[in-house]
C-alpha atoms as a PDB file:
ATOM      1  CA  MET A   1       5.286  23.253  -3.862  1.00  0.00           C
ATOM      2  CA  ARG A   2       8.466  22.152  -4.958  1.00  0.00           C
ATOM      3  CA  ASN A   3       8.932  20.239  -7.872  1.00  0.00           C
ATOM      4  CA  PHE A   4      12.352  17.693  -7.509  1.00  0.00           C
ATOM      5  CA  ASP A   5      14.045  16.723 -10.463  1.00  0.00           C
ATOM      6  CA  LEU A   6      15.336  12.439  -9.678  1.00  0.00           C
ATOM      7  CA  THR A   7      17.452  12.145 -13.024  1.00  0.00           C
ATOM      8  CA  PRO A   8      20.651  12.091 -11.368  1.00  0.00           C
ATOM      9  CA  LEU A   9      19.917   9.024  -8.684  1.00  0.00           C
ATOM     10  CA  TYR A  10      18.742   7.077 -12.450  1.00  0.00           C
ATOM     11  CA  ARG A  11      22.113   8.069 -13.737  1.00  0.00           C
ATOM     12  CA  ALA A  12      23.975   7.430 -10.693  1.00  0.00           C
ATOM     13  CA  SER A  13      22.273   4.269  -9.460  1.00  0.00           C
ATOM     14  CA  VAL A  14      20.781   0.803 -10.966  1.00  0.00           C
ATOM     15  CA  GLY A  15      18.542  -0.817  -9.375  1.00  0.00           C
ATOM     16  CA  PHE A  16      16.717   1.196  -7.746  1.00  0.00           C
ATOM     17  CA  ASP A  17      14.177   2.081 -10.218  1.00  0.00           C
ATOM     18  CA  ARG A  18      11.064   1.428  -8.251  1.00  0.00           C
ATOM     19  CA  MET A  19      12.444   3.491  -5.086  1.00  0.00           C
ATOM     20  CA  ALA A  20      12.120   6.425  -7.579  1.00  0.00           C
ATOM     21  CA  ASP A  21       9.197   6.456  -8.948  1.00  0.00           C
ATOM     22  CA  VAL A  22       8.064   5.970  -5.797  1.00  0.00           C
ATOM     23  CA  MET A  23       9.450   8.898  -4.555  1.00  0.00           C
ATOM     24  CA  ASP A  24       8.512  10.703  -8.050  1.00  0.00           C
ATOM     25  CA  ARG A  25       3.999   9.926  -7.758  1.00  0.00           C
ATOM     26  CA  ALA A  26       4.286  10.850  -3.581  1.00  0.00           C
ATOM     27  CA  LEU A  27       5.914  14.394  -4.345  1.00  0.00           C
ATOM     28  CA  SER A  28       4.184  14.688  -8.235  1.00  0.00           C
ATOM     29  CA  ALA A  29       0.667  13.270  -7.138  1.00  0.00           C
ATOM     30  CA  ASP A  30      -2.220  16.174  -5.862  1.00  0.00           C
ATOM     31  CA  ILE A  31      -3.206  15.228  -2.521  1.00  0.00           C
ATOM     32  CA  ALA A  32      -6.997  14.187  -2.098  1.00  0.00           C
ATOM     33  CA  SER A  33      -8.456  14.324   0.403  1.00  0.00           C
ATOM     34  CA  TYR A  34     -11.698  11.820  -0.067  1.00  0.00           C
ATOM     35  CA  PRO A  35     -12.224   9.915   1.428  1.00  0.00           C
ATOM     36  CA  PRO A  36     -10.183  10.197   4.826  1.00  0.00           C
ATOM     37  CA  TYR A  37      -8.901   7.118   6.242  1.00  0.00           C
ATOM     38  CA  ASN A  38      -5.711   5.222   8.698  1.00  0.00           C
ATOM     39  CA  ILE A  39      -2.962   3.730   7.940  1.00  0.00           C
ATOM     40  CA  GLU A  40      -2.110   1.674  11.214  1.00  0.00           C
ATOM     41  CA  LYS A  41       0.974  -0.873  12.101  1.00  0.00           C
ATOM     42  CA  THR A  42      -0.903  -3.193  14.199  1.00  0.00           C
ATOM     43  CA  GLY A  43       2.329  -5.938  14.984  1.00  0.00           C
ATOM     44  CA  GLU A  44       5.621  -5.659  14.412  1.00  0.00           C
ATOM     45  CA  ASN A  45       5.098  -6.939  10.495  1.00  0.00           C
ATOM     46  CA  ALA A  46       1.626  -6.193  10.154  1.00  0.00           C
ATOM     47  CA  TYR A  47      -0.691  -3.095   9.103  1.00  0.00           C
ATOM     48  CA  ARG A  48      -4.082  -2.243   8.262  1.00  0.00           C
ATOM     49  CA  ILE A  49      -4.877   0.418   5.615  1.00  0.00           C
ATOM     50  CA  ALA A  50      -8.381   1.686   7.666  1.00  0.00           C
ATOM     51  CA  ILE A  51     -10.590   3.869   4.865  1.00  0.00           C
ATOM     52  CA  ALA A  52     -13.794   5.322   6.001  1.00  0.00           C
ATOM     53  CA  VAL A  53     -16.637   5.054   3.949  1.00  0.00           C
ATOM     54  CA  ALA A  54     -19.531   5.543   5.516  1.00  0.00           C
ATOM     55  CA  GLY A  55     -22.747   5.613   2.941  1.00  0.00           C
ATOM     56  CA  PHE A  56     -21.106   2.601   1.149  1.00  0.00           C
ATOM     57  CA  GLY A  57     -22.348  -0.983   1.495  1.00  0.00           C
ATOM     58  CA  ALA A  58     -19.835  -3.718   0.564  1.00  0.00           C
ATOM     59  CA  GLU A  59     -20.953  -4.467  -3.247  1.00  0.00           C
ATOM     60  CA  ASP A  60     -20.197  -1.068  -4.016  1.00  0.00           C
ATOM     61  CA  LEU A  61     -16.708  -1.213  -3.156  1.00  0.00           C
ATOM     62  CA  ASN A  62     -13.458  -2.332  -4.847  1.00  0.00           C
ATOM     63  CA  VAL A  63     -10.090  -3.776  -4.084  1.00  0.00           C
ATOM     64  CA  GLU A  64      -7.366  -5.186  -6.431  1.00  0.00           C
ATOM     65  CA  VAL A  65      -3.840  -5.358  -6.261  1.00  0.00           C
ATOM     66  CA  LYS A  66      -1.797  -4.412  -9.134  1.00  0.00           C
ATOM     67  CA  ASP A  67       1.662  -3.523 -10.175  1.00  0.00           C
ATOM     68  CA  GLY A  68       3.482  -2.764  -6.426  1.00  0.00           C
ATOM     69  CA  ALA A  69      -0.169  -1.253  -5.263  1.00  0.00           C
ATOM     70  CA  VAL A  70      -3.132  -1.432  -3.514  1.00  0.00           C
ATOM     71  CA  ILE A  71      -6.299   0.401  -5.375  1.00  0.00           C
ATOM     72  CA  VAL A  72      -9.106   0.931  -3.577  1.00  0.00           C
ATOM     73  CA  ALA A  73     -12.164   2.568  -5.504  1.00  0.00           C
ATOM     74  CA  GLY A  74     -15.336   3.120  -4.536  1.00  0.00           C
ATOM     75  CA  ARG A  75     -18.948   3.444  -6.579  1.00  0.00           C
ATOM     76  CA  LYS A  76     -21.770   4.047  -5.170  1.00  0.00           C
ATOM     77  CA  SER A  77     -25.281   2.923  -7.066  1.00  0.00           C
ATOM     78  CA  ALA A  78     -27.626   5.366  -8.577  1.00  0.00           C
ATOM     79  CA  GLU A  79     -30.331   4.350  -5.419  1.00  0.00           C
ATOM     80  CA  ASP A  80     -30.910   8.186  -4.503  1.00  0.00           C
ATOM     81  CA  GLU A  81     -32.895   9.003  -7.905  1.00  0.00           C
ATOM     82  CA  GLY A  82     -36.341   9.794  -6.402  1.00  0.00           C
ATOM     83  CA  ARG A  83     -34.833  11.267  -3.223  1.00  0.00           C
ATOM     84  CA  THR A  84     -35.502  14.703  -2.223  1.00  0.00           C
ATOM     85  CA  PHE A  85     -32.657  16.198   0.645  1.00  0.00           C
ATOM     86  CA  LEU A  86     -32.261  19.029   2.388  1.00  0.00           C
ATOM     87  CA  HIS A  87     -29.213  18.872   3.467  1.00  0.00           C
ATOM     88  CA  ARG A  88     -26.590  16.127   1.699  1.00  0.00           C
ATOM     89  CA  GLY A  89     -22.918  16.327   4.718  1.00  0.00           C
ATOM     90  CA  ILE A  90     -22.296  12.708   3.756  1.00  0.00           C
ATOM     91  CA  ALA A  91     -20.666  12.634   0.180  1.00  0.00           C
ATOM     92  CA  THR A  92     -21.358   9.081  -2.020  1.00  0.00           C
ATOM     93  CA  ARG A  93     -19.386  10.563  -4.773  1.00  0.00           C
ATOM     94  CA  ALA A  94     -17.181   7.960  -6.926  1.00  0.00           C
ATOM     95  CA  PHE A  95     -13.766   7.622  -5.914  1.00  0.00           C
ATOM     96  CA  GLU A  96     -10.177   6.104  -6.085  1.00  0.00           C
ATOM     97  CA  ARG A  97      -7.517   5.441  -4.040  1.00  0.00           C
ATOM     98  CA  ARG A  98      -4.360   3.451  -4.522  1.00  0.00           C
ATOM     99  CA  PHE A  99      -1.625   3.250  -1.437  1.00  0.00           C
ATOM    100  CA  THR A 100       2.211   1.820  -2.593  1.00  0.00           C
ATOM    101  CA  LEU A 101       3.790  -1.606  -1.600  1.00  0.00           C
ATOM    102  CA  ALA A 102       7.689  -1.663   0.015  1.00  0.00           C
ATOM    103  CA  ASP A 103       9.178  -5.057  -1.625  1.00  0.00           C
ATOM    104  CA  HIS A 104       7.322  -8.362   0.370  1.00  0.00           C
ATOM    105  CA  VAL A 105       4.105  -6.816   1.787  1.00  0.00           C
ATOM    106  CA  ARG A 106       1.259  -8.233   0.747  1.00  0.00           C
ATOM    107  CA  VAL A 107      -2.168  -7.705   1.093  1.00  0.00           C
ATOM    108  CA  VAL A 108      -4.056 -10.545   4.060  1.00  0.00           C
ATOM    109  CA  GLY A 109      -7.576  -9.764   3.716  1.00  0.00           C
ATOM    110  CA  ALA A 110     -10.451  -7.108   4.020  1.00  0.00           C
ATOM    111  CA  SER A 111     -13.217  -6.564   5.907  1.00  0.00           C
ATOM    112  CA  HIS A 112     -16.682  -4.190   5.746  1.00  0.00           C
ATOM    113  CA  GLN A 113     -18.044  -3.328   9.099  1.00  0.00           C
ATOM    114  CA  ASP A 114     -19.745  -0.061  10.305  1.00  0.00           C
ATOM    115  CA  GLY A 115     -18.696   2.593   7.771  1.00  0.00           C
ATOM    116  CA  MET A 116     -14.918   1.442   6.882  1.00  0.00           C
ATOM    117  CA  LEU A 117     -13.012  -1.093   5.121  1.00  0.00           C
ATOM    118  CA  ASN A 118     -10.345  -2.170   6.309  1.00  0.00           C
ATOM    119  CA  ILE A 119      -7.595  -3.856   5.060  1.00  0.00           C
ATOM    120  CA  ASP A 120      -5.065  -6.006   6.849  1.00  0.00           C
ATOM    121  CA  LEU A 121      -1.831  -5.753   5.054  1.00  0.00           C
ATOM    122  CA  ALA A 122       1.935  -8.413   6.598  1.00  0.00           C
ATOM    123  CA  ARG A 123       5.355  -8.013   5.902  1.00  0.00           C
ATOM    124  CA  GLU A 124       6.720 -11.274   4.979  1.00  0.00           C
ATOM    125  CA  ILE A 125      10.830 -11.832   4.799  1.00  0.00           C
ATOM    126  CA  PRO A 126      11.708 -13.837   2.694  1.00  0.00           C
ATOM    127  CA  GLU A 127      14.401 -16.680   4.378  1.00  0.00           C
ATOM    128  CA  ALA A 128      17.309 -15.502   1.639  1.00  0.00           C
ATOM    129  CA  LEU A 129      16.624 -12.629   3.361  1.00  0.00           C
ATOM    130  CA  LYS A 130      16.397 -13.078   6.873  1.00  0.00           C
ATOM    131  CA  PRO A 131      19.648 -12.422   9.110  1.00  0.00           C
ATOM    132  CA  ARG A 132      21.427 -15.830   9.432  1.00  0.00           C
ATOM    133  CA  ARG A 133      24.094 -16.319  11.531  1.00  0.00           C
ATOM    134  CA  ILE A 134      27.656 -18.216  10.745  1.00  0.00           C
ATOM    135  CA  GLU A 135      30.093 -20.754  11.665  1.00  0.00           C
ATOM    136  CA  ILE A 136      33.336 -19.707  12.460  1.00  0.00           C
ATOM    137  CA  ALA A 137      35.668 -23.066  11.817  1.00  0.00           C
ATOM    138  CA  LYS A 138      38.311 -22.891  14.592  1.00  0.00           C
ATOM    139  CA  GLY A 139      42.161 -23.835  13.809  1.00  0.00           C
ATOM    140  CA  ALA A 140      43.119 -25.724  11.103  1.00  0.00           C
ATOM    141  CA  GLN A 141      39.751 -25.936   8.683  1.00  0.00           C
ATOM    142  CA  THR A 142      39.617 -24.520   5.911  1.00  0.00           C
ATOM    143  CA  VAL A 143      35.518 -23.204   4.706  1.00  0.00           C
ATOM    144  CA  GLU A 144      34.946 -25.259   0.329  1.00  0.00           C
ATOM    145  CA  LYS A 145      34.574 -22.577  -1.701  1.00  0.00           C
ATOM    146  CA  LEU A 146      31.037 -22.632  -3.444  1.00  0.00           C
ATOM    147  CA  ASP A 147      31.991 -23.302  -7.395  1.00  0.00           C
ATOM    148  CA  ALA A 148      30.386 -20.440  -9.480  1.00  0.00           C
END
């Protein structure tokens, strides 16, 4: 894998620190494959992260929003003591998975059903950032200047 130096981006831009940090984290992070997950778009401004957590109960899972990211952690209680497995194919090892959220995306809720943890997200664009129509003055009308 190539290493990218984002230092020129920091030197030549102002206010893009978070984007550069996200890119830096994504390019340098080890890609873990456990537990498997899907990210799907469920509506125009709605998303869902679905994580396969077979063997974990809702009490074994923790979902938290911190520093612009959703952090999902799973820790299985030690209930397998005294059991003898001939084959153990269902992994219940501890994990932590982090998903960075874009600006204005918030977690709506989470549910656990049939071995799947679903985290619902919504993008809520502030009124100030939504497109708006500007009236065009006709004739000799002047536009009042705003005081600075």
